[in-house]
N, C-alpha and C. Protein backbone atom coordinates (compact mmCIF):
# COMPACT_ATOMS: atom_id res chain seq x y z
N MET A 1 23.10 -8.34 -2.74
CA MET A 1 23.36 -7.34 -1.74
C MET A 1 24.20 -6.22 -2.36
N SER A 2 23.85 -4.97 -2.04
CA SER A 2 24.60 -3.85 -2.58
C SER A 2 25.96 -3.75 -1.90
N GLU A 3 26.86 -3.02 -2.53
CA GLU A 3 28.21 -2.90 -1.98
C GLU A 3 28.16 -2.16 -0.65
N LEU A 4 28.91 -2.65 0.31
CA LEU A 4 28.90 -2.05 1.63
C LEU A 4 29.85 -0.86 1.68
N PRO A 5 29.47 0.16 2.48
CA PRO A 5 30.35 1.33 2.58
C PRO A 5 31.62 0.97 3.34
N PRO A 6 32.71 1.68 3.05
CA PRO A 6 33.94 1.41 3.79
C PRO A 6 33.79 1.84 5.24
N ILE A 7 34.61 1.26 6.10
CA ILE A 7 34.61 1.64 7.51
C ILE A 7 35.83 2.52 7.75
N ASP A 8 35.74 3.76 7.36
CA ASP A 8 36.80 4.73 7.63
C ASP A 8 36.18 5.92 8.33
N ASP A 9 35.25 5.61 9.21
CA ASP A 9 34.44 6.63 9.85
C ASP A 9 35.23 7.46 10.85
N LYS A 10 34.83 8.70 10.96
CA LYS A 10 35.28 9.59 12.02
C LYS A 10 34.12 9.63 13.00
N TYR A 11 34.43 9.45 14.28
CA TYR A 11 33.37 9.35 15.28
C TYR A 11 33.28 10.64 16.10
N PRO A 12 32.08 10.98 16.55
CA PRO A 12 30.84 10.24 16.32
C PRO A 12 30.34 10.43 14.90
N LEU A 13 29.66 9.41 14.39
CA LEU A 13 29.02 9.44 13.08
C LEU A 13 27.52 9.35 13.32
N VAL A 14 26.77 10.29 12.79
CA VAL A 14 25.33 10.30 12.98
C VAL A 14 24.67 10.16 11.61
N LEU A 15 23.77 9.17 11.50
CA LEU A 15 23.01 8.95 10.26
C LEU A 15 21.52 9.06 10.56
N PHE A 16 20.77 9.43 9.51
CA PHE A 16 19.34 9.59 9.64
C PHE A 16 18.63 8.81 8.55
N SER A 17 17.42 8.40 8.83
CA SER A 17 16.57 7.79 7.80
C SER A 17 15.33 8.67 7.68
N PRO A 18 14.54 8.53 6.63
CA PRO A 18 14.60 7.42 5.68
C PRO A 18 15.73 7.56 4.66
N GLU A 19 16.17 6.38 4.21
CA GLU A 19 17.16 6.27 3.13
C GLU A 19 18.47 6.98 3.43
N GLY A 20 18.88 6.97 4.71
CA GLY A 20 20.11 7.66 5.08
C GLY A 20 21.31 6.76 5.23
N GLY A 21 21.15 5.48 4.92
CA GLY A 21 22.28 4.56 4.95
C GLY A 21 22.52 3.86 6.27
N ILE A 22 21.58 3.93 7.20
CA ILE A 22 21.78 3.28 8.49
C ILE A 22 21.91 1.77 8.32
N GLN A 23 20.99 1.18 7.59
CA GLN A 23 21.03 -0.28 7.41
C GLN A 23 22.32 -0.73 6.73
N ALA A 24 22.73 -0.03 5.71
CA ALA A 24 23.96 -0.41 5.00
C ALA A 24 25.18 -0.28 5.92
N LYS A 25 25.19 0.73 6.77
CA LYS A 25 26.31 0.91 7.69
C LYS A 25 26.34 -0.22 8.73
N ILE A 26 25.16 -0.59 9.25
CA ILE A 26 25.09 -1.70 10.19
C ILE A 26 25.58 -2.98 9.52
N GLN A 27 25.14 -3.23 8.28
CA GLN A 27 25.58 -4.42 7.55
C GLN A 27 27.09 -4.40 7.34
N ALA A 28 27.65 -3.24 7.07
CA ALA A 28 29.10 -3.13 6.87
C ALA A 28 29.84 -3.51 8.14
N TYR A 29 29.39 -3.01 9.26
CA TYR A 29 30.04 -3.37 10.53
C TYR A 29 29.87 -4.86 10.82
N LEU A 30 28.67 -5.38 10.60
CA LEU A 30 28.45 -6.81 10.85
C LEU A 30 29.35 -7.68 9.98
N SER A 31 29.62 -7.25 8.77
CA SER A 31 30.47 -8.05 7.88
C SER A 31 31.93 -8.06 8.32
N ARG A 32 32.29 -7.15 9.21
CA ARG A 32 33.69 -7.02 9.59
C ARG A 32 34.00 -7.40 11.04
N VAL A 33 32.98 -7.64 11.86
CA VAL A 33 33.26 -8.01 13.25
C VAL A 33 33.92 -9.38 13.30
N THR A 34 34.71 -9.60 14.34
CA THR A 34 35.42 -10.87 14.47
C THR A 34 35.12 -11.60 15.78
N GLU A 35 34.59 -10.90 16.78
CA GLU A 35 34.40 -11.52 18.08
C GLU A 35 32.94 -11.57 18.54
N SER A 36 32.29 -10.41 18.59
CA SER A 36 30.95 -10.40 19.17
C SER A 36 30.09 -9.26 18.64
N VAL A 37 28.78 -9.51 18.70
CA VAL A 37 27.77 -8.51 18.38
C VAL A 37 26.69 -8.61 19.46
N LEU A 38 26.38 -7.49 20.07
CA LEU A 38 25.32 -7.42 21.08
C LEU A 38 24.23 -6.52 20.54
N VAL A 39 23.02 -7.06 20.39
CA VAL A 39 21.91 -6.29 19.80
C VAL A 39 20.77 -6.22 20.80
N ALA A 40 20.33 -5.02 21.11
CA ALA A 40 19.13 -4.81 21.92
C ALA A 40 18.19 -3.98 21.07
N CYS A 41 16.98 -4.49 20.87
CA CYS A 41 16.03 -3.72 20.06
C CYS A 41 14.60 -4.04 20.46
N TYR A 42 13.72 -3.15 20.08
CA TYR A 42 12.31 -3.36 20.35
C TYR A 42 11.74 -4.41 19.40
N ILE A 43 12.09 -4.28 18.13
CA ILE A 43 11.58 -5.19 17.11
C ILE A 43 12.61 -5.34 16.01
N LEU A 44 12.63 -6.51 15.39
CA LEU A 44 13.51 -6.76 14.26
C LEU A 44 12.69 -7.51 13.22
N THR A 45 12.30 -6.80 12.17
CA THR A 45 11.57 -7.44 11.08
C THR A 45 12.25 -7.22 9.73
N SER A 46 13.39 -6.55 9.74
CA SER A 46 14.13 -6.34 8.49
C SER A 46 14.80 -7.65 8.08
N ARG A 47 14.38 -8.18 6.94
CA ARG A 47 14.96 -9.43 6.43
C ARG A 47 16.45 -9.25 6.17
N GLU A 48 16.84 -8.09 5.65
CA GLU A 48 18.23 -7.83 5.33
C GLU A 48 19.11 -7.84 6.58
N LEU A 49 18.65 -7.21 7.65
CA LEU A 49 19.43 -7.21 8.88
C LEU A 49 19.45 -8.59 9.53
N ALA A 50 18.33 -9.30 9.46
CA ALA A 50 18.30 -10.67 10.01
C ALA A 50 19.30 -11.55 9.27
N GLU A 51 19.34 -11.44 7.96
CA GLU A 51 20.29 -12.24 7.18
C GLU A 51 21.73 -11.85 7.49
N ALA A 52 21.97 -10.56 7.71
CA ALA A 52 23.33 -10.12 8.07
C ALA A 52 23.73 -10.67 9.44
N LEU A 53 22.81 -10.70 10.38
CA LEU A 53 23.11 -11.29 11.69
C LEU A 53 23.38 -12.78 11.56
N ALA A 54 22.59 -13.46 10.74
CA ALA A 54 22.78 -14.90 10.52
C ALA A 54 24.14 -15.17 9.88
N ARG A 55 24.53 -14.38 8.89
CA ARG A 55 25.85 -14.55 8.26
C ARG A 55 26.97 -14.31 9.27
N THR A 56 26.76 -13.36 10.15
CA THR A 56 27.76 -13.06 11.18
C THR A 56 27.91 -14.25 12.12
N ALA A 57 26.79 -14.81 12.56
CA ALA A 57 26.83 -15.99 13.45
C ALA A 57 27.47 -17.17 12.74
N TYR A 58 27.22 -17.32 11.44
CA TYR A 58 27.79 -18.42 10.66
C TYR A 58 29.32 -18.36 10.68
N ARG A 59 29.88 -17.15 10.75
CA ARG A 59 31.34 -16.97 10.80
C ARG A 59 31.89 -17.25 12.21
N LYS A 60 31.06 -17.80 13.09
CA LYS A 60 31.45 -18.14 14.47
C LYS A 60 31.69 -16.91 15.34
N VAL A 61 31.07 -15.80 14.98
CA VAL A 61 31.05 -14.62 15.83
C VAL A 61 29.93 -14.82 16.84
N ASP A 62 30.15 -14.46 18.09
CA ASP A 62 29.15 -14.58 19.14
C ASP A 62 28.12 -13.47 18.96
N VAL A 63 26.92 -13.84 18.51
CA VAL A 63 25.85 -12.87 18.26
C VAL A 63 24.75 -13.08 19.29
N LYS A 64 24.50 -12.03 20.08
CA LYS A 64 23.44 -12.07 21.08
C LYS A 64 22.42 -10.99 20.75
N LEU A 65 21.14 -11.36 20.89
CA LEU A 65 20.04 -10.46 20.55
C LEU A 65 19.01 -10.51 21.67
N VAL A 66 18.56 -9.35 22.12
CA VAL A 66 17.46 -9.27 23.08
C VAL A 66 16.42 -8.33 22.49
N VAL A 67 15.19 -8.84 22.39
CA VAL A 67 14.09 -8.04 21.84
C VAL A 67 12.91 -8.06 22.80
N ASN A 68 12.01 -7.11 22.59
CA ASN A 68 10.78 -7.09 23.37
C ASN A 68 9.98 -8.35 23.08
N GLY A 69 9.32 -8.89 24.09
CA GLY A 69 8.68 -10.19 23.98
C GLY A 69 7.36 -10.26 23.27
N SER A 70 6.63 -9.19 23.18
CA SER A 70 5.31 -9.28 22.54
C SER A 70 5.41 -8.74 21.11
N MET A 71 5.52 -9.65 20.17
CA MET A 71 5.78 -9.29 18.79
C MET A 71 4.73 -9.84 17.84
N ASP A 72 4.82 -9.42 16.60
CA ASP A 72 3.88 -9.89 15.58
C ASP A 72 4.41 -11.14 14.87
N ARG A 73 3.60 -11.68 13.96
CA ARG A 73 3.97 -12.91 13.24
C ARG A 73 5.24 -12.75 12.41
N ASN A 74 5.44 -11.58 11.80
CA ASN A 74 6.65 -11.37 11.00
C ASN A 74 7.89 -11.54 11.86
N PHE A 75 7.85 -10.99 13.06
CA PHE A 75 9.01 -11.13 13.92
C PHE A 75 9.19 -12.57 14.38
N LEU A 76 8.12 -13.27 14.66
CA LEU A 76 8.26 -14.66 15.12
C LEU A 76 9.01 -15.50 14.08
N ARG A 77 8.72 -15.30 12.80
CA ARG A 77 9.46 -16.02 11.75
C ARG A 77 10.95 -15.68 11.80
N ILE A 78 11.25 -14.40 11.94
CA ILE A 78 12.65 -13.97 11.99
C ILE A 78 13.32 -14.47 13.25
N TYR A 79 12.63 -14.44 14.38
CA TYR A 79 13.17 -14.95 15.64
C TYR A 79 13.56 -16.42 15.50
N LYS A 80 12.67 -17.23 14.95
CA LYS A 80 12.96 -18.66 14.76
C LYS A 80 14.13 -18.85 13.79
N TYR A 81 14.14 -18.08 12.71
CA TYR A 81 15.22 -18.14 11.73
C TYR A 81 16.57 -17.84 12.39
N LEU A 82 16.62 -16.77 13.18
CA LEU A 82 17.88 -16.40 13.83
C LEU A 82 18.34 -17.46 14.82
N LYS A 83 17.41 -18.02 15.58
CA LYS A 83 17.77 -19.10 16.52
C LYS A 83 18.35 -20.29 15.75
N GLU A 84 17.71 -20.66 14.63
CA GLU A 84 18.20 -21.78 13.81
C GLU A 84 19.59 -21.51 13.25
N LYS A 85 19.91 -20.25 13.00
CA LYS A 85 21.19 -19.87 12.41
C LYS A 85 22.28 -19.63 13.45
N GLY A 86 21.98 -19.88 14.72
CA GLY A 86 23.01 -19.79 15.74
C GLY A 86 23.07 -18.49 16.52
N VAL A 87 22.09 -17.63 16.32
CA VAL A 87 22.05 -16.39 17.09
C VAL A 87 21.44 -16.70 18.46
N ASP A 88 22.08 -16.24 19.50
CA ASP A 88 21.58 -16.41 20.87
C ASP A 88 20.51 -15.34 21.09
N ALA A 89 19.28 -15.65 20.68
CA ALA A 89 18.17 -14.69 20.73
C ALA A 89 17.35 -14.90 21.99
N ARG A 90 17.07 -13.80 22.67
CA ARG A 90 16.24 -13.83 23.87
C ARG A 90 15.15 -12.76 23.75
N THR A 91 14.09 -13.01 24.48
CA THR A 91 13.00 -12.04 24.55
C THR A 91 12.86 -11.57 25.99
N ILE A 92 12.29 -10.39 26.15
CA ILE A 92 12.12 -9.84 27.49
C ILE A 92 10.85 -9.02 27.55
N ILE A 93 10.16 -9.15 28.66
CA ILE A 93 9.06 -8.23 28.99
C ILE A 93 9.36 -7.73 30.40
N PRO A 94 9.77 -6.48 30.52
CA PRO A 94 10.02 -5.95 31.85
C PRO A 94 8.73 -5.98 32.69
N VAL A 95 8.90 -5.93 34.00
CA VAL A 95 7.76 -6.03 34.91
C VAL A 95 6.68 -5.01 34.55
N SER A 96 7.05 -3.80 34.32
CA SER A 96 6.07 -2.79 33.89
C SER A 96 6.72 -1.98 32.78
N GLY A 97 6.28 -2.21 31.58
CA GLY A 97 6.84 -1.49 30.45
C GLY A 97 7.27 -2.43 29.34
N ILE A 98 8.17 -1.93 28.49
CA ILE A 98 8.64 -2.70 27.34
C ILE A 98 10.16 -2.57 27.24
N GLN A 99 10.78 -3.47 26.50
CA GLN A 99 12.20 -3.36 26.17
C GLN A 99 12.24 -2.47 24.94
N HIS A 100 12.64 -1.24 25.09
CA HIS A 100 12.58 -0.27 24.00
C HIS A 100 13.95 0.26 23.58
N SER A 101 15.01 -0.27 24.17
CA SER A 101 16.36 0.15 23.79
C SER A 101 16.65 -0.29 22.36
N LYS A 102 17.48 0.49 21.67
CA LYS A 102 17.87 0.15 20.31
C LYS A 102 19.35 0.46 20.16
N PHE A 103 20.17 -0.59 20.25
CA PHE A 103 21.60 -0.39 20.07
C PHE A 103 22.28 -1.69 19.65
N ILE A 104 23.45 -1.53 19.04
CA ILE A 104 24.29 -2.66 18.65
C ILE A 104 25.72 -2.34 19.06
N VAL A 105 26.36 -3.29 19.73
CA VAL A 105 27.77 -3.16 20.09
C VAL A 105 28.55 -4.13 19.21
N PHE A 106 29.54 -3.60 18.49
CA PHE A 106 30.36 -4.38 17.57
C PHE A 106 31.73 -4.63 18.21
N ASP A 107 32.05 -5.89 18.49
CA ASP A 107 33.36 -6.28 19.03
C ASP A 107 33.77 -5.50 20.28
N HIS A 108 32.83 -5.03 21.06
CA HIS A 108 33.10 -4.24 22.27
C HIS A 108 33.93 -2.99 21.96
N LYS A 109 33.89 -2.52 20.71
CA LYS A 109 34.71 -1.38 20.31
C LYS A 109 33.89 -0.21 19.79
N ILE A 110 32.76 -0.51 19.18
CA ILE A 110 31.91 0.52 18.57
C ILE A 110 30.47 0.22 18.96
N VAL A 111 29.72 1.28 19.27
CA VAL A 111 28.29 1.12 19.53
C VAL A 111 27.52 2.04 18.59
N ALA A 112 26.41 1.50 18.10
CA ALA A 112 25.45 2.29 17.32
C ALA A 112 24.18 2.35 18.16
N HIS A 113 23.68 3.54 18.40
CA HIS A 113 22.48 3.68 19.23
C HIS A 113 21.64 4.85 18.74
N GLY A 114 20.34 4.74 18.96
CA GLY A 114 19.42 5.80 18.56
C GLY A 114 18.00 5.31 18.50
N SER A 115 17.18 5.97 17.73
CA SER A 115 15.76 5.63 17.66
C SER A 115 15.46 4.56 16.61
N TYR A 116 16.45 4.21 15.81
CA TYR A 116 16.27 3.32 14.66
C TYR A 116 15.79 1.94 15.07
N ASN A 117 14.59 1.58 14.63
CA ASN A 117 14.08 0.22 14.79
C ASN A 117 14.63 -0.62 13.64
N PHE A 118 14.79 -1.89 13.85
CA PHE A 118 15.40 -2.76 12.85
C PHE A 118 14.31 -3.33 11.94
N THR A 119 13.68 -2.41 11.20
CA THR A 119 12.54 -2.74 10.35
C THR A 119 12.71 -2.09 8.98
N TRP A 120 11.91 -2.58 8.02
CA TRP A 120 11.89 -1.98 6.69
C TRP A 120 11.41 -0.54 6.77
N ASP A 121 10.37 -0.31 7.56
CA ASP A 121 9.83 1.06 7.69
C ASP A 121 10.87 2.03 8.24
N ALA A 122 11.66 1.58 9.22
CA ALA A 122 12.68 2.46 9.79
C ALA A 122 13.69 2.90 8.74
N GLU A 123 14.02 2.00 7.84
CA GLU A 123 15.00 2.33 6.80
C GLU A 123 14.40 3.16 5.67
N HIS A 124 13.15 2.88 5.32
CA HIS A 124 12.59 3.46 4.09
C HIS A 124 11.48 4.50 4.29
N ARG A 125 10.84 4.55 5.46
CA ARG A 125 9.71 5.46 5.65
C ARG A 125 9.85 6.41 6.84
N ASN A 126 10.34 5.87 7.96
CA ASN A 126 10.32 6.63 9.21
C ASN A 126 11.49 7.60 9.30
N PHE A 127 11.29 8.62 10.11
CA PHE A 127 12.38 9.52 10.47
C PHE A 127 13.03 8.95 11.72
N GLU A 128 14.23 8.40 11.55
CA GLU A 128 14.94 7.72 12.62
C GLU A 128 16.38 8.24 12.65
N ASN A 129 17.12 7.84 13.68
CA ASN A 129 18.53 8.23 13.76
C ASN A 129 19.33 7.13 14.41
N MET A 130 20.63 7.15 14.14
CA MET A 130 21.56 6.21 14.75
C MET A 130 22.92 6.90 14.82
N GLU A 131 23.49 6.90 16.02
CA GLU A 131 24.83 7.45 16.20
C GLU A 131 25.80 6.29 16.40
N PHE A 132 26.92 6.34 15.72
CA PHE A 132 27.99 5.36 15.86
C PHE A 132 29.14 6.06 16.58
N THR A 133 29.67 5.41 17.62
CA THR A 133 30.79 5.99 18.35
C THR A 133 31.74 4.91 18.82
N ASP A 134 33.00 5.31 18.97
CA ASP A 134 34.01 4.39 19.50
C ASP A 134 34.50 4.87 20.87
N SER A 135 33.77 5.77 21.50
CA SER A 135 34.15 6.27 22.82
C SER A 135 34.13 5.12 23.83
N PRO A 136 35.28 4.79 24.44
CA PRO A 136 35.31 3.65 25.36
C PRO A 136 34.30 3.75 26.49
N GLY A 137 34.09 4.93 27.04
CA GLY A 137 33.12 5.09 28.12
C GLY A 137 31.70 4.81 27.68
N ILE A 138 31.35 5.30 26.51
CA ILE A 138 29.99 5.08 25.99
C ILE A 138 29.81 3.63 25.59
N VAL A 139 30.79 3.07 24.88
CA VAL A 139 30.70 1.65 24.50
C VAL A 139 30.57 0.78 25.75
N GLY A 140 31.39 1.05 26.75
CA GLY A 140 31.35 0.28 27.99
C GLY A 140 30.00 0.37 28.69
N ALA A 141 29.40 1.54 28.69
CA ALA A 141 28.08 1.70 29.32
C ALA A 141 27.04 0.85 28.60
N TYR A 142 27.09 0.81 27.27
CA TYR A 142 26.13 0.00 26.52
C TYR A 142 26.38 -1.50 26.71
N VAL A 143 27.64 -1.90 26.83
CA VAL A 143 27.94 -3.31 27.10
C VAL A 143 27.34 -3.70 28.45
N LYS A 144 27.52 -2.87 29.46
CA LYS A 144 26.96 -3.15 30.79
C LYS A 144 25.43 -3.21 30.73
N GLN A 145 24.81 -2.27 30.03
CA GLN A 145 23.35 -2.26 29.93
C GLN A 145 22.86 -3.50 29.18
N PHE A 146 23.60 -3.91 28.16
CA PHE A 146 23.19 -5.12 27.45
C PHE A 146 23.18 -6.31 28.39
N GLU A 147 24.21 -6.44 29.20
CA GLU A 147 24.27 -7.56 30.14
C GLU A 147 23.09 -7.57 31.10
N VAL A 148 22.67 -6.39 31.56
CA VAL A 148 21.49 -6.29 32.43
C VAL A 148 20.24 -6.79 31.70
N ILE A 149 20.04 -6.31 30.49
CA ILE A 149 18.86 -6.70 29.70
C ILE A 149 18.92 -8.19 29.37
N TYR A 150 20.09 -8.64 28.93
CA TYR A 150 20.27 -10.04 28.52
C TYR A 150 19.97 -11.00 29.67
N GLN A 151 20.45 -10.68 30.86
CA GLN A 151 20.23 -11.55 32.02
C GLN A 151 18.75 -11.65 32.38
N LYS A 152 17.97 -10.64 32.07
CA LYS A 152 16.54 -10.67 32.35
C LYS A 152 15.75 -11.32 31.22
N GLY A 153 16.42 -11.61 30.11
CA GLY A 153 15.76 -12.20 28.95
C GLY A 153 15.52 -13.69 29.13
N SER A 154 14.72 -14.23 28.21
CA SER A 154 14.37 -15.64 28.22
C SER A 154 14.44 -16.15 26.79
N ASP A 155 14.66 -17.47 26.64
CA ASP A 155 14.65 -18.02 25.29
C ASP A 155 13.28 -18.59 24.93
N ILE A 156 12.26 -18.20 25.69
CA ILE A 156 10.88 -18.59 25.36
C ILE A 156 10.46 -17.83 24.12
N GLU A 157 9.75 -18.50 23.21
CA GLU A 157 9.28 -17.83 22.00
C GLU A 157 8.41 -16.63 22.33
N PRO A 158 8.52 -15.56 21.54
CA PRO A 158 7.76 -14.34 21.82
C PRO A 158 6.25 -14.56 21.96
N THR A 159 5.66 -15.43 21.16
CA THR A 159 4.21 -15.61 21.27
C THR A 159 3.84 -16.25 22.58
N VAL A 160 4.70 -17.12 23.10
CA VAL A 160 4.44 -17.75 24.40
C VAL A 160 4.51 -16.68 25.49
N ILE A 161 5.51 -15.81 25.41
CA ILE A 161 5.64 -14.73 26.39
C ILE A 161 4.41 -13.82 26.32
N LYS A 162 3.94 -13.52 25.12
CA LYS A 162 2.77 -12.66 24.97
C LYS A 162 1.58 -13.28 25.70
N LYS A 163 1.37 -14.59 25.54
CA LYS A 163 0.27 -15.26 26.22
C LYS A 163 0.47 -15.22 27.73
N LEU A 164 1.70 -15.43 28.19
CA LEU A 164 1.98 -15.39 29.62
C LEU A 164 1.73 -14.00 30.19
N SER A 165 2.13 -12.96 29.47
CA SER A 165 1.94 -11.60 29.99
C SER A 165 0.47 -11.24 30.04
N LYS A 166 -0.33 -11.73 29.09
CA LYS A 166 -1.76 -11.48 29.12
C LYS A 166 -2.41 -12.16 30.32
N SER A 167 -1.99 -13.38 30.62
CA SER A 167 -2.60 -14.11 31.74
C SER A 167 -2.23 -13.46 33.07
N LYS A 168 -1.06 -12.79 33.17
CA LYS A 168 -0.69 -12.11 34.40
C LYS A 168 -1.59 -10.89 34.64
N LYS A 169 -2.04 -10.25 33.55
CA LYS A 169 -2.88 -9.06 33.68
C LYS A 169 -4.30 -9.42 34.10
N GLU A 170 -4.72 -10.64 33.79
CA GLU A 170 -6.10 -11.03 34.07
C GLU A 170 -6.35 -11.31 35.53
């Protein structure tokens, strides 16, 4: 793993990809949290971010993840890996639509939010963005939204949810 950037940020901090350091900044925050991490994302297929979340959970930090329920095989492997490593991972399929939020709350003190998907492409190919802020009002709003999404989530495997959602449409 490459050396992580220091956390001496002035907020708000806005980063862009490709190759703008979003993943490294997320990993830096994950390596330093002590209480909790709340992750809401559409998809997570980045091996590096999955490993960082697993290392965070190993340190007995409460890591919660909610992702969209209809995913590909790459995500299913990562989903199972994260569950095995102690991450409280849930999937969600809203009644009409998808879970498309992308944000991480670190220790209820800092939130990173933007268009950045937690994938290799987002870091290396796509034009994405992520803003980091410590504004209590903004952080609090994302914590509340996470709780809404999390409560609607399920610990059913994504492929099972995909099959269930298809049968509802038929």
